[in-house]
Amino acid sequence: MENMPDHRPSPRVDCLVTGGTGLVGNNVIRMLLDRRLRVRALARGQSDGRPLAGLAVQRAAGDVTDPDAVAKAVAGARVVVHSAAIVHVGWRKLEEMRRVNVEGTRLVAEAARRQGARLIHVSSVDALGLTADGRPADEETPMGGMVECPYVVTKRAAEQAVLDEVERGLDAVIVNPVFMLGPWDWKPSSGRMLLEVGSGRGLLAPPGSNDFVDVRDVAAGIIAAVTAGRRGQRYILGGHPLRYVDAWRMFAKVAGRRPPRGEAPPGVVRMAGRIGDLIARCLGHEGPVNSAATGMSMLNHNFDCSRAKRELGYTIRPLESTIEESWNWFIAKGYVRTVGRGNRRPRAA
């Protein structure tokens, strides 16, 4: 099947995937194709062509904020995996995130309900709450503890948009992945952290913790949710709980770099965030270092994925192999330039 834009999609496919050029969506598409399923991808015309190049996938041109494009893409699909979203942890882009993350999700959920398709909505653990005592949170933990930045607020509102459609008859499941690493991270997204540490810039790690998982395990969990997920239910797709300093040590070892010296003092991290905010006000552009991002990096951001293990058969592979395969993928695709042993520098990010 030609990998060309198609404004008149085939009337029948097994699965439509939104966000198919992103880390999660691209891995889901490849896994579905490996199972010989018919897949359609909704992608904007200006999207990077590399993620879908050479794949036997139908392409529906359009944006999740365009009602007509969404309706045409969903038509004939038995399942919709909605992974399209704007991911930026900061204080800016609220209106853009509302338009894509919330209203785009509402359009996709409504179209799936009208089509009679099952929707797997890819959310984030950032839409959930954290426990007050630092224990791993689960799907029922009350809201609270997160930094209430636009990404958190809009991902939470997107879940509510899906649940609103469930009340109207939509058959939907919500999955909440943790921090993902793995191949096919074209942008790159979460792999940027690995590239930064692998470049030798990770001298002091943030003083918080996170759960780290292989995106291919998340993709398998998403596909399992198609048949095993309960309607209207959330499933945390978790990973290995590590303090950032321990994760960064693993990153540095794979990249042949010196490990971080330790954790940055919380006061220094807060000051870096405030400086980032000031720079954003002066330049009109918010970078990855800002007070929302630094605030998140100091949290004990850990989650219990027992429900997904029990009901979806969710499994997690060793993190060491994930880091090594992710790093090797970045090297193979030209994101890392290797100049002798122990001197590997990112070329692009």
C-alpha atoms as a PDB file:
ATOM      1  CA  MET A   1       0.000   0.000   0.000  1.00  0.00           C
ATOM      2  CA  GLU A   2       1.426   3.366  -0.957  1.00  0.00           C
ATOM      3  CA  ASN A   3       2.578   5.624   1.844  1.00  0.00           C
ATOM      4  CA  MET A   4       0.892   8.699   0.358  1.00  0.00           C
ATOM      5  CA  PRO A   5      -1.602  11.234   1.747  1.00  0.00           C
ATOM      6  CA  ASP A   6      -5.142  10.028   1.173  1.00  0.00           C
ATOM      7  CA  HIS A   7      -8.002  12.506   1.413  1.00  0.00           C
ATOM      8  CA  ARG A   8     -10.540   9.706   0.830  1.00  0.00           C
ATOM      9  CA  PRO A   9      -9.567   6.978   3.300  1.00  0.00           C
ATOM     10  CA  SER A  10     -10.570   3.376   2.772  1.00  0.00           C
ATOM     11  CA  PRO A  11     -13.924   2.684   4.430  1.00  0.00           C
ATOM     12  CA  ARG A  12     -12.550  -0.104   6.626  1.00  0.00           C
ATOM     13  CA  VAL A  13      -9.433  -0.280   8.811  1.00  0.00           C
ATOM     14  CA  ASP A  14      -8.657  -2.103  12.014  1.00  0.00           C
ATOM     15  CA  CYS A  15      -7.227   0.951  13.739  1.00  0.00           C
ATOM     16  CA  LEU A  16      -6.843   4.695  13.306  1.00  0.00           C
ATOM     17  CA  VAL A  17      -3.887   6.224  15.155  1.00  0.00           C
ATOM     18  CA  THR A  18      -3.621   9.947  15.815  1.00  0.00           C
ATOM     19  CA  GLY A  19      -0.207  11.326  16.688  1.00  0.00           C
ATOM     20  CA  GLY A  20       1.385   8.610  14.584  1.00  0.00           C
ATOM     21  CA  THR A  21       4.604  10.569  14.047  1.00  0.00           C
ATOM     22  CA  GLY A  22       5.208  10.855  17.804  1.00  0.00           C
ATOM     23  CA  LEU A  23       7.030   8.440  20.094  1.00  0.00           C
ATOM     24  CA  VAL A  24       3.971   6.542  21.330  1.00  0.00           C
ATOM     25  CA  GLY A  25       1.904   6.644  18.151  1.00  0.00           C
ATOM     26  CA  ASN A  26       4.752   5.570  15.894  1.00  0.00           C
ATOM     27  CA  ASN A  27       5.549   2.563  18.069  1.00  0.00           C
ATOM     28  CA  VAL A  28       1.862   1.621  18.230  1.00  0.00           C
ATOM     29  CA  ILE A  29       1.599   1.775  14.436  1.00  0.00           C
ATOM     30  CA  ARG A  30       4.651  -0.424  13.940  1.00  0.00           C
ATOM     31  CA  MET A  31       3.385  -2.968  16.448  1.00  0.00           C
ATOM     32  CA  LEU A  32      -0.048  -3.081  14.800  1.00  0.00           C
ATOM     33  CA  LEU A  33       1.519  -3.568  11.379  1.00  0.00           C
ATOM     34  CA  ASP A  34       3.675  -6.378  12.759  1.00  0.00           C
ATOM     35  CA  ARG A  35       0.379  -8.067  13.662  1.00  0.00           C
ATOM     36  CA  ARG A  36      -0.784  -7.651  10.059  1.00  0.00           C
ATOM     37  CA  LEU A  37      -3.566  -5.239  10.960  1.00  0.00           C
ATOM     38  CA  ARG A  38      -4.849  -2.503   8.682  1.00  0.00           C
ATOM     39  CA  VAL A  39      -3.782   0.861  10.045  1.00  0.00           C
ATOM     40  CA  ARG A  40      -4.622   4.453   9.177  1.00  0.00           C
ATOM     41  CA  ALA A  41      -2.712   7.448  10.519  1.00  0.00           C
ATOM     42  CA  LEU A  42      -4.110  10.949  10.843  1.00  0.00           C
ATOM     43  CA  ALA A  43      -1.209  13.314  10.204  1.00  0.00           C
ATOM     44  CA  ARG A  44      -0.838  16.966   9.361  1.00  0.00           C
ATOM     45  CA  GLY A  45       0.444  17.792   5.905  1.00  0.00           C
ATOM     46  CA  GLN A  46       3.531  19.501   7.339  1.00  0.00           C
ATOM     47  CA  SER A  47       4.453  16.564   9.585  1.00  0.00           C
ATOM     48  CA  ASP A  48       7.912  15.012   9.371  1.00  0.00           C
ATOM     49  CA  GLY A  49       7.680  12.301   6.712  1.00  0.00           C
ATOM     50  CA  ARG A  50      10.340  10.012   8.219  1.00  0.00           C
ATOM     51  CA  PRO A  51       8.238   8.306  10.940  1.00  0.00           C
ATOM     52  CA  LEU A  52       5.772   6.825   8.424  1.00  0.00           C
ATOM     53  CA  ALA A  53       8.161   6.356   5.508  1.00  0.00           C
ATOM     54  CA  GLY A  54       8.090   2.831   4.115  1.00  0.00           C
ATOM     55  CA  LEU A  55       5.193   1.715   6.320  1.00  0.00           C
ATOM     56  CA  ALA A  56       2.110   0.089   4.789  1.00  0.00           C
ATOM     57  CA  VAL A  57      -0.193   2.540   6.479  1.00  0.00           C
ATOM     58  CA  GLN A  58      -3.028   4.620   5.060  1.00  0.00           C
ATOM     59  CA  ARG A  59      -2.546   8.328   5.580  1.00  0.00           C
ATOM     60  CA  ALA A  60      -5.411  10.663   6.298  1.00  0.00           C
ATOM     61  CA  ALA A  61      -4.311  14.269   5.955  1.00  0.00           C
ATOM     62  CA  GLY A  62      -5.556  16.635   8.602  1.00  0.00           C
ATOM     63  CA  ASP A  63      -5.394  17.910  12.147  1.00  0.00           C
ATOM     64  CA  VAL A  64      -7.228  16.727  15.271  1.00  0.00           C
ATOM     65  CA  THR A  65      -8.693  20.225  15.602  1.00  0.00           C
ATOM     66  CA  ASP A  66     -10.425  19.958  12.187  1.00  0.00           C
ATOM     67  CA  PRO A  67     -13.863  18.314  12.630  1.00  0.00           C
ATOM     68  CA  ASP A  68     -14.141  17.258   8.976  1.00  0.00           C
ATOM     69  CA  ALA A  69     -10.652  15.738   8.886  1.00  0.00           C
ATOM     70  CA  VAL A  70     -11.295  13.856  12.118  1.00  0.00           C
ATOM     71  CA  ALA A  71     -14.654  12.517  10.924  1.00  0.00           C
ATOM     72  CA  LYS A  72     -13.147  11.288   7.632  1.00  0.00           C
ATOM     73  CA  ALA A  73     -10.189   9.677   9.404  1.00  0.00           C
ATOM     74  CA  VAL A  74     -12.377   7.863  11.950  1.00  0.00           C
ATOM     75  CA  ALA A  75     -14.849   6.622   9.328  1.00  0.00           C
ATOM     76  CA  GLY A  76     -14.655   2.836   9.005  1.00  0.00           C
ATOM     77  CA  ALA A  77     -12.261   2.333  11.933  1.00  0.00           C
ATOM     78  CA  ARG A  78     -12.998  -0.376  14.515  1.00  0.00           C
ATOM     79  CA  VAL A  79     -10.550   1.123  17.017  1.00  0.00           C
ATOM     80  CA  VAL A  80      -9.105   4.611  17.487  1.00  0.00           C
ATOM     81  CA  VAL A  81      -5.844   5.132  19.383  1.00  0.00           C
ATOM     82  CA  HIS A  82      -5.659   8.818  20.210  1.00  0.00           C
ATOM     83  CA  SER A  83      -2.082   9.789  21.082  1.00  0.00           C
ATOM     84  CA  ALA A  84      -1.891  13.242  19.477  1.00  0.00           C
ATOM     85  CA  ALA A  85      -1.102  16.019  21.947  1.00  0.00           C
ATOM     86  CA  ILE A  86       1.118  19.000  22.581  1.00  0.00           C
ATOM     87  CA  VAL A  87       3.665  18.130  25.256  1.00  0.00           C
ATOM     88  CA  HIS A  88       5.377  21.074  26.910  1.00  0.00           C
ATOM     89  CA  VAL A  89       5.954  21.469  30.637  1.00  0.00           C
ATOM     90  CA  GLY A  90       5.931  25.204  31.232  1.00  0.00           C
ATOM     91  CA  TRP A  91       3.599  28.139  31.782  1.00  0.00           C
ATOM     92  CA  ARG A  92       2.987  29.124  28.168  1.00  0.00           C
ATOM     93  CA  LYS A  93       0.983  27.600  25.283  1.00  0.00           C
ATOM     94  CA  LEU A  94      -2.205  27.296  27.358  1.00  0.00           C
ATOM     95  CA  GLU A  95      -4.569  28.274  24.541  1.00  0.00           C
ATOM     96  CA  GLU A  96      -2.751  26.088  22.003  1.00  0.00           C
ATOM     97  CA  MET A  97      -2.888  23.148  24.399  1.00  0.00           C
ATOM     98  CA  ARG A  98      -6.572  23.703  25.066  1.00  0.00           C
ATOM     99  CA  ARG A  99      -7.236  23.681  21.344  1.00  0.00           C
ATOM    100  CA  VAL A 100      -5.244  20.500  20.624  1.00  0.00           C
ATOM    101  CA  ASN A 101      -5.193  18.532  23.869  1.00  0.00           C
ATOM    102  CA  VAL A 102      -8.751  19.238  25.005  1.00  0.00           C
ATOM    103  CA  GLU A 103     -10.890  20.247  22.022  1.00  0.00           C
ATOM    104  CA  GLY A 104      -9.008  17.909  19.683  1.00  0.00           C
ATOM    105  CA  THR A 105      -9.640  15.040  22.074  1.00  0.00           C
ATOM    106  CA  ARG A 106     -13.311  16.014  22.300  1.00  0.00           C
ATOM    107  CA  LEU A 107     -13.614  15.880  18.507  1.00  0.00           C
ATOM    108  CA  VAL A 108     -11.896  12.491  18.266  1.00  0.00           C
ATOM    109  CA  ALA A 109     -13.994  11.034  21.094  1.00  0.00           C
ATOM    110  CA  GLU A 110     -17.230  12.316  19.573  1.00  0.00           C
ATOM    111  CA  ALA A 111     -16.321  10.930  16.142  1.00  0.00           C
ATOM    112  CA  ALA A 112     -15.409   7.552  17.662  1.00  0.00           C
ATOM    113  CA  ARG A 113     -18.754   7.416  19.470  1.00  0.00           C
ATOM    114  CA  ARG A 114     -20.665   8.167  16.284  1.00  0.00           C
ATOM    115  CA  GLN A 115     -18.637   5.568  14.388  1.00  0.00           C
ATOM    116  CA  GLY A 116     -19.155   2.956  17.112  1.00  0.00           C
ATOM    117  CA  ALA A 117     -15.387   2.512  17.479  1.00  0.00           C
ATOM    118  CA  ARG A 118     -13.555   1.708  20.688  1.00  0.00           C
ATOM    119  CA  LEU A 119     -11.297   4.598  21.750  1.00  0.00           C
ATOM    120  CA  ILE A 120      -7.994   4.143  23.548  1.00  0.00           C
ATOM    121  CA  HIS A 121      -7.101   7.588  24.842  1.00  0.00           C
ATOM    122  CA  VAL A 122      -3.391   8.032  25.588  1.00  0.00           C
ATOM    123  CA  SER A 123      -3.216  10.420  28.509  1.00  0.00           C
ATOM    124  CA  SER A 124      -0.381  10.824  31.025  1.00  0.00           C
ATOM    125  CA  VAL A 125       0.241  10.129  34.691  1.00  0.00           C
ATOM    126  CA  ASP A 126       0.573  13.912  34.941  1.00  0.00           C
ATOM    127  CA  ALA A 127      -3.222  14.030  34.721  1.00  0.00           C
ATOM    128  CA  LEU A 128      -3.455  12.060  37.989  1.00  0.00           C
ATOM    129  CA  GLY A 129      -2.754  12.926  41.591  1.00  0.00           C
ATOM    130  CA  LEU A 130       0.236  12.233  43.826  1.00  0.00           C
ATOM    131  CA  THR A 131       0.140  10.912  47.362  1.00  0.00           C
ATOM    132  CA  ALA A 132       0.980  13.216  50.266  1.00  0.00           C
ATOM    133  CA  ASP A 133       3.329  10.682  51.897  1.00  0.00           C
ATOM    134  CA  GLY A 134       5.360   9.813  48.800  1.00  0.00           C
ATOM    135  CA  ARG A 135       3.933   6.339  48.261  1.00  0.00           C
ATOM    136  CA  PRO A 136       3.259   5.385  44.622  1.00  0.00           C
ATOM    137  CA  ALA A 137      -0.054   6.834  43.438  1.00  0.00           C
ATOM    138  CA  ASP A 138      -2.668   4.823  41.573  1.00  0.00           C
ATOM    139  CA  GLU A 139      -5.697   5.480  39.381  1.00  0.00           C
ATOM    140  CA  GLU A 140      -7.863   6.341  42.401  1.00  0.00           C
ATOM    141  CA  THR A 141      -5.456   8.733  44.149  1.00  0.00           C
ATOM    142  CA  PRO A 142      -7.223  12.110  44.659  1.00  0.00           C
ATOM    143  CA  MET A 143      -6.045  14.992  42.491  1.00  0.00           C
ATOM    144  CA  GLY A 144      -3.296  17.115  43.951  1.00  0.00           C
ATOM    145  CA  GLY A 145       0.447  17.307  44.314  1.00  0.00           C
ATOM    146  CA  MET A 146       1.233  18.115  40.678  1.00  0.00           C
ATOM    147  CA  VAL A 147       2.440  21.458  39.361  1.00  0.00           C
ATOM    148  CA  GLU A 148      -0.742  22.923  37.875  1.00  0.00           C
ATOM    149  CA  CYS A 149       0.830  24.023  34.583  1.00  0.00           C
ATOM    150  CA  PRO A 150      -1.029  24.073  31.228  1.00  0.00           C
ATOM    151  CA  TYR A 151       0.115  20.570  30.275  1.00  0.00           C
ATOM    152  CA  VAL A 152      -1.220  19.050  33.496  1.00  0.00           C
ATOM    153  CA  VAL A 153      -4.447  21.047  33.349  1.00  0.00           C
ATOM    154  CA  THR A 154      -5.190  20.242  29.701  1.00  0.00           C
ATOM    155  CA  LYS A 155      -4.351  16.538  29.940  1.00  0.00           C
ATOM    156  CA  ARG A 156      -6.734  16.308  32.881  1.00  0.00           C
ATOM    157  CA  ALA A 157      -9.421  18.188  30.933  1.00  0.00           C
ATOM    158  CA  ALA A 158      -8.861  15.900  27.930  1.00  0.00           C
ATOM    159  CA  GLU A 159      -9.602  12.879  30.101  1.00  0.00           C
ATOM    160  CA  GLN A 160     -12.811  14.535  31.251  1.00  0.00           C
ATOM    161  CA  ALA A 161     -13.783  15.158  27.622  1.00  0.00           C
ATOM    162  CA  VAL A 162     -13.414  11.408  26.985  1.00  0.00           C
ATOM    163  CA  LEU A 163     -15.419  10.515  30.092  1.00  0.00           C
ATOM    164  CA  ASP A 164     -18.151  12.948  29.022  1.00  0.00           C
ATOM    165  CA  GLU A 165     -18.469  10.998  25.766  1.00  0.00           C
ATOM    166  CA  VAL A 166     -18.456   7.721  27.704  1.00  0.00           C
ATOM    167  CA  GLU A 167     -21.581   9.013  29.461  1.00  0.00           C
ATOM    168  CA  ARG A 168     -23.099   9.479  25.994  1.00  0.00           C
ATOM    169  CA  GLY A 169     -22.293   5.903  24.977  1.00  0.00           C
ATOM    170  CA  LEU A 170     -18.646   5.954  23.840  1.00  0.00           C
ATOM    171  CA  ASP A 171     -16.684   2.749  24.443  1.00  0.00           C
ATOM    172  CA  ALA A 172     -13.392   4.182  25.704  1.00  0.00           C
ATOM    173  CA  VAL A 173     -10.388   3.258  27.833  1.00  0.00           C
ATOM    174  CA  ILE A 174      -7.817   5.725  29.195  1.00  0.00           C
ATOM    175  CA  VAL A 175      -4.153   4.786  29.580  1.00  0.00           C
ATOM    176  CA  ASN A 176      -1.685   6.864  31.604  1.00  0.00           C
ATOM    177  CA  PRO A 177       1.958   6.212  30.641  1.00  0.00           C
ATOM    178  CA  VAL A 178       4.951   7.254  32.722  1.00  0.00           C
ATOM    179  CA  PHE A 179       8.290   8.582  31.373  1.00  0.00           C
ATOM    180  CA  MET A 180       9.070   6.667  28.170  1.00  0.00           C
ATOM    181  CA  LEU A 181      12.275   5.868  26.334  1.00  0.00           C
ATOM    182  CA  GLY A 182      12.775   3.823  23.210  1.00  0.00           C
ATOM    183  CA  PRO A 183      13.317   3.787  19.454  1.00  0.00           C
ATOM    184  CA  TRP A 184      11.390   5.833  16.896  1.00  0.00           C
ATOM    185  CA  ASP A 185      11.661   8.998  18.996  1.00  0.00           C
ATOM    186  CA  TRP A 186      11.934  11.260  15.969  1.00  0.00           C
ATOM    187  CA  LYS A 187      11.311  14.672  17.546  1.00  0.00           C
ATOM    188  CA  PRO A 188      12.881  13.700  20.022  1.00  0.00           C
ATOM    189  CA  SER A 189      10.535  13.920  23.013  1.00  0.00           C
ATOM    190  CA  SER A 190      11.408  12.234  26.309  1.00  0.00           C
ATOM    191  CA  GLY A 191      14.611  10.931  24.724  1.00  0.00           C
ATOM    192  CA  ARG A 192      15.928  14.474  24.932  1.00  0.00           C
ATOM    193  CA  MET A 193      16.899  13.766  28.547  1.00  0.00           C
ATOM    194  CA  LEU A 194      19.032  10.831  27.438  1.00  0.00           C
ATOM    195  CA  LEU A 195      20.663  12.964  24.752  1.00  0.00           C
ATOM    196  CA  GLU A 196      21.428  15.747  27.248  1.00  0.00           C
ATOM    197  CA  VAL A 197      23.051  13.383  29.738  1.00  0.00           C
ATOM    198  CA  GLY A 198      24.804  11.557  26.906  1.00  0.00           C
ATOM    199  CA  SER A 199      26.288  14.866  25.746  1.00  0.00           C
ATOM    200  CA  GLY A 200      28.013  15.321  29.100  1.00  0.00           C
ATOM    201  CA  ARG A 201      25.729  18.114  30.295  1.00  0.00           C
ATOM    202  CA  GLY A 202      24.179  16.107  33.145  1.00  0.00           C
ATOM    203  CA  LEU A 203      26.524  17.175  35.970  1.00  0.00           C
ATOM    204  CA  LEU A 204      23.845  17.467  38.666  1.00  0.00           C
ATOM    205  CA  ALA A 205      20.520  15.647  38.506  1.00  0.00           C
ATOM    206  CA  PRO A 206      17.193  17.051  39.720  1.00  0.00           C
ATOM    207  CA  PRO A 207      16.376  16.052  43.319  1.00  0.00           C
ATOM    208  CA  GLY A 208      13.240  14.093  42.446  1.00  0.00           C
ATOM    209  CA  SER A 209      12.201  10.697  41.122  1.00  0.00           C
ATOM    210  CA  ASN A 210      10.244   9.277  38.202  1.00  0.00           C
ATOM    211  CA  ASP A 211       9.144   5.988  36.673  1.00  0.00           C
ATOM    212  CA  PHE A 212      11.004   4.994  33.485  1.00  0.00           C
ATOM    213  CA  VAL A 213       9.640   2.532  30.927  1.00  0.00           C
ATOM    214  CA  ASP A 214      10.227   1.272  27.405  1.00  0.00           C
ATOM    215  CA  VAL A 215       7.766   2.835  24.966  1.00  0.00           C
ATOM    216  CA  ARG A 216       7.322  -0.583  23.340  1.00  0.00           C
ATOM    217  CA  ASP A 217       5.929  -1.906  26.627  1.00  0.00           C
ATOM    218  CA  VAL A 218       3.526   1.043  26.654  1.00  0.00           C
ATOM    219  CA  ALA A 219       2.529   0.324  23.038  1.00  0.00           C
ATOM    220  CA  ALA A 220       1.851  -3.310  23.949  1.00  0.00           C
ATOM    221  CA  GLY A 221      -0.246  -2.128  26.900  1.00  0.00           C
ATOM    222  CA  ILE A 222      -2.252   0.155  24.624  1.00  0.00           C
ATOM    223  CA  ILE A 223      -2.952  -2.694  22.209  1.00  0.00           C
ATOM    224  CA  ALA A 224      -3.893  -5.007  25.100  1.00  0.00           C
ATOM    225  CA  ALA A 225      -6.377  -2.376  26.290  1.00  0.00           C
ATOM    226  CA  VAL A 226      -8.245  -2.731  22.978  1.00  0.00           C
ATOM    227  CA  THR A 227      -9.544  -6.145  24.005  1.00  0.00           C
ATOM    228  CA  ALA A 228      -8.953  -6.334  27.762  1.00  0.00           C
ATOM    229  CA  GLY A 229      -9.526  -2.773  28.975  1.00  0.00           C
ATOM    230  CA  ARG A 230     -12.753  -2.039  30.818  1.00  0.00           C
ATOM    231  CA  ARG A 231     -14.974   0.720  29.436  1.00  0.00           C
ATOM    232  CA  GLY A 232     -14.465   4.046  31.199  1.00  0.00           C
ATOM    233  CA  GLN A 233     -11.456   2.758  33.169  1.00  0.00           C
ATOM    234  CA  ARG A 234      -7.983   4.235  33.613  1.00  0.00           C
ATOM    235  CA  TYR A 235      -4.821   2.137  33.470  1.00  0.00           C
ATOM    236  CA  ILE A 236      -1.428   3.394  34.594  1.00  0.00           C
ATOM    237  CA  LEU A 237       1.272   2.034  32.267  1.00  0.00           C
ATOM    238  CA  GLY A 238       4.135   2.269  34.729  1.00  0.00           C
ATOM    239  CA  GLY A 239       7.806   1.496  34.855  1.00  0.00           C
ATOM    240  CA  HIS A 240      10.929   1.320  37.002  1.00  0.00           C
ATOM    241  CA  PRO A 241      10.942   3.821  39.905  1.00  0.00           C
ATOM    242  CA  LEU A 242      14.263   5.649  40.096  1.00  0.00           C
ATOM    243  CA  ARG A 243      15.613   8.877  41.407  1.00  0.00           C
ATOM    244  CA  TYR A 244      16.797  11.015  38.512  1.00  0.00           C
ATOM    245  CA  VAL A 245      20.394  10.768  39.692  1.00  0.00           C
ATOM    246  CA  ASP A 246      20.264   6.963  39.446  1.00  0.00           C
ATOM    247  CA  ALA A 247      18.609   7.071  36.023  1.00  0.00           C
ATOM    248  CA  TRP A 248      21.187   9.578  34.820  1.00  0.00           C
ATOM    249  CA  ARG A 249      23.993   7.324  36.018  1.00  0.00           C
ATOM    250  CA  MET A 250      22.563   4.572  33.835  1.00  0.00           C
ATOM    251  CA  PHE A 251      22.284   7.008  30.902  1.00  0.00           C
ATOM    252  CA  ALA A 252      25.893   8.145  31.349  1.00  0.00           C
ATOM    253  CA  LYS A 253      27.183   4.579  31.525  1.00  0.00           C
ATOM    254  CA  VAL A 254      25.531   3.637  28.226  1.00  0.00           C
ATOM    255  CA  ALA A 255      26.771   6.842  26.556  1.00  0.00           C
ATOM    256  CA  GLY A 256      30.314   6.419  27.831  1.00  0.00           C
ATOM    257  CA  ARG A 257      30.169   9.589  29.913  1.00  0.00           C
ATOM    258  CA  ARG A 258      31.103  10.409  33.470  1.00  0.00           C
ATOM    259  CA  PRO A 259      28.155   9.955  35.823  1.00  0.00           C
ATOM    260  CA  PRO A 260      26.480  12.967  37.445  1.00  0.00           C
ATOM    261  CA  ARG A 261      28.138  14.214  40.618  1.00  0.00           C
ATOM    262  CA  GLY A 262      24.923  13.965  42.572  1.00  0.00           C
ATOM    263  CA  GLU A 263      21.622  15.777  43.044  1.00  0.00           C
ATOM    264  CA  ALA A 264      21.329  19.523  42.673  1.00  0.00           C
ATOM    265  CA  PRO A 265      20.209  21.318  45.861  1.00  0.00           C
ATOM    266  CA  PRO A 266      16.479  22.164  45.716  1.00  0.00           C
ATOM    267  CA  GLY A 267      17.227  25.871  46.136  1.00  0.00           C
ATOM    268  CA  VAL A 268      19.496  25.826  43.089  1.00  0.00           C
ATOM    269  CA  VAL A 269      16.831  24.021  41.036  1.00  0.00           C
ATOM    270  CA  ARG A 270      14.170  26.562  42.055  1.00  0.00           C
ATOM    271  CA  MET A 271      16.516  29.425  41.176  1.00  0.00           C
ATOM    272  CA  ALA A 272      17.196  27.887  37.746  1.00  0.00           C
ATOM    273  CA  GLY A 273      13.455  27.732  37.142  1.00  0.00           C
ATOM    274  CA  ARG A 274      12.960  31.390  38.072  1.00  0.00           C
ATOM    275  CA  ILE A 275      15.833  32.417  35.798  1.00  0.00           C
ATOM    276  CA  GLY A 276      14.242  30.416  32.994  1.00  0.00           C
ATOM    277  CA  ASP A 277      10.953  32.252  33.568  1.00  0.00           C
ATOM    278  CA  LEU A 278      12.752  35.602  33.392  1.00  0.00           C
ATOM    279  CA  ILE A 279      14.478  34.636  30.142  1.00  0.00           C
ATOM    280  CA  ALA A 280      11.125  33.560  28.698  1.00  0.00           C
ATOM    281  CA  ARG A 281       9.589  36.943  29.545  1.00  0.00           C
ATOM    282  CA  CYS A 282      12.508  38.766  27.949  1.00  0.00           C
ATOM    283  CA  LEU A 283      12.706  36.662  24.793  1.00  0.00           C
ATOM    284  CA  GLY A 284       9.010  35.782  24.405  1.00  0.00           C
ATOM    285  CA  HIS A 285       9.920  32.096  24.104  1.00  0.00           C
ATOM    286  CA  GLU A 286       9.840  29.543  26.910  1.00  0.00           C
ATOM    287  CA  GLY A 287      12.570  26.951  26.961  1.00  0.00           C
ATOM    288  CA  PRO A 288      12.695  23.567  28.711  1.00  0.00           C
ATOM    289  CA  VAL A 289      14.084  25.117  31.914  1.00  0.00           C
ATOM    290  CA  ASN A 290      11.318  27.031  33.682  1.00  0.00           C
ATOM    291  CA  SER A 291       9.715  26.969  37.112  1.00  0.00           C
ATOM    292  CA  ALA A 292       7.004  24.510  36.058  1.00  0.00           C
ATOM    293  CA  ALA A 293       9.537  22.011  34.704  1.00  0.00           C
ATOM    294  CA  THR A 294      11.907  22.392  37.647  1.00  0.00           C
ATOM    295  CA  GLY A 295       8.988  22.081  40.062  1.00  0.00           C
ATOM    296  CA  MET A 296       7.966  18.805  38.423  1.00  0.00           C
ATOM    297  CA  SER A 297      11.564  17.549  38.560  1.00  0.00           C
ATOM    298  CA  MET A 298      11.587  17.812  42.361  1.00  0.00           C
ATOM    299  CA  LEU A 299       8.490  15.655  42.861  1.00  0.00           C
ATOM    300  CA  ASN A 300       8.388  11.986  43.865  1.00  0.00           C
ATOM    301  CA  HIS A 301       6.628  11.157  40.612  1.00  0.00           C
ATOM    302  CA  ASN A 302       5.956   7.449  41.146  1.00  0.00           C
ATOM    303  CA  PHE A 303       2.925   5.310  40.298  1.00  0.00           C
ATOM    304  CA  ASP A 304       1.500   1.852  40.915  1.00  0.00           C
ATOM    305  CA  CYS A 305       0.612  -0.057  37.726  1.00  0.00           C
ATOM    306  CA  SER A 306      -0.870  -3.129  39.427  1.00  0.00           C
ATOM    307  CA  ARG A 307      -4.218  -2.701  37.681  1.00  0.00           C
ATOM    308  CA  ALA A 308      -2.625  -2.776  34.224  1.00  0.00           C
ATOM    309  CA  LYS A 309      -0.536  -5.814  35.155  1.00  0.00           C
ATOM    310  CA  ARG A 310      -3.566  -7.623  36.495  1.00  0.00           C
ATOM    311  CA  GLU A 311      -6.139  -6.751  33.829  1.00  0.00           C
ATOM    312  CA  LEU A 312      -4.074  -6.058  30.697  1.00  0.00           C
ATOM    313  CA  GLY A 313      -1.210  -8.469  31.256  1.00  0.00           C
ATOM    314  CA  TYR A 314       1.121  -5.448  31.241  1.00  0.00           C
ATOM    315  CA  THR A 315       4.826  -6.276  31.543  1.00  0.00           C
ATOM    316  CA  ILE A 316       7.980  -4.187  31.844  1.00  0.00           C
ATOM    317  CA  ARG A 317      11.345  -5.132  30.370  1.00  0.00           C
ATOM    318  CA  PRO A 318      14.716  -4.351  32.052  1.00  0.00           C
ATOM    319  CA  LEU A 319      15.524  -0.662  31.854  1.00  0.00           C
ATOM    320  CA  GLU A 320      19.195  -1.180  30.999  1.00  0.00           C
ATOM    321  CA  SER A 321      18.323  -2.738  27.641  1.00  0.00           C
ATOM    322  CA  THR A 322      15.847   0.048  26.907  1.00  0.00           C
ATOM    323  CA  ILE A 323      18.446   2.751  27.512  1.00  0.00           C
ATOM    324  CA  GLU A 324      21.031   0.969  25.365  1.00  0.00           C
ATOM    325  CA  GLU A 325      18.603   0.417  22.474  1.00  0.00           C
ATOM    326  CA  SER A 326      17.380   4.011  22.678  1.00  0.00           C
ATOM    327  CA  TRP A 327      20.925   5.375  22.592  1.00  0.00           C
ATOM    328  CA  ASN A 328      21.886   3.125  19.694  1.00  0.00           C
ATOM    329  CA  TRP A 329      18.765   4.235  17.781  1.00  0.00           C
ATOM    330  CA  PHE A 330      19.750   7.890  18.250  1.00  0.00           C
ATOM    331  CA  ILE A 331      23.254   7.099  16.976  1.00  0.00           C
ATOM    332  CA  ALA A 332      21.914   5.190  13.955  1.00  0.00           C
ATOM    333  CA  LYS A 333      19.555   8.043  13.022  1.00  0.00           C
ATOM    334  CA  GLY A 334      22.201  10.753  13.293  1.00  0.00           C
ATOM    335  CA  TYR A 335      21.171  12.392  16.551  1.00  0.00           C
ATOM    336  CA  VAL A 336      24.513  11.506  18.123  1.00  0.00           C
ATOM    337  CA  ARG A 337      27.950  11.980  16.624  1.00  0.00           C
ATOM    338  CA  THR A 338      30.582   9.564  17.967  1.00  0.00           C
ATOM    339  CA  VAL A 339      34.147  10.893  18.071  1.00  0.00           C
ATOM    340  CA  GLY A 340      36.197   8.206  19.726  1.00  0.00           C
ATOM    341  CA  ARG A 341      35.290   6.171  22.749  1.00  0.00           C
ATOM    342  CA  GLY A 342      33.815   8.136  25.624  1.00  0.00           C
ATOM    343  CA  ASN A 343      33.241  11.271  23.531  1.00  0.00           C
ATOM    344  CA  ARG A 344      29.760  11.015  22.044  1.00  0.00           C
ATOM    345  CA  ARG A 345      27.926  14.257  21.444  1.00  0.00           C
ATOM    346  CA  PRO A 346      24.381  14.876  20.248  1.00  0.00           C
ATOM    347  CA  ARG A 347      24.291  16.320  16.760  1.00  0.00           C
ATOM    348  CA  ALA A 348      20.636  17.268  16.874  1.00  0.00           C
ATOM    349  CA  ALA A 349      17.840  17.478  19.407  1.00  0.00           C
END
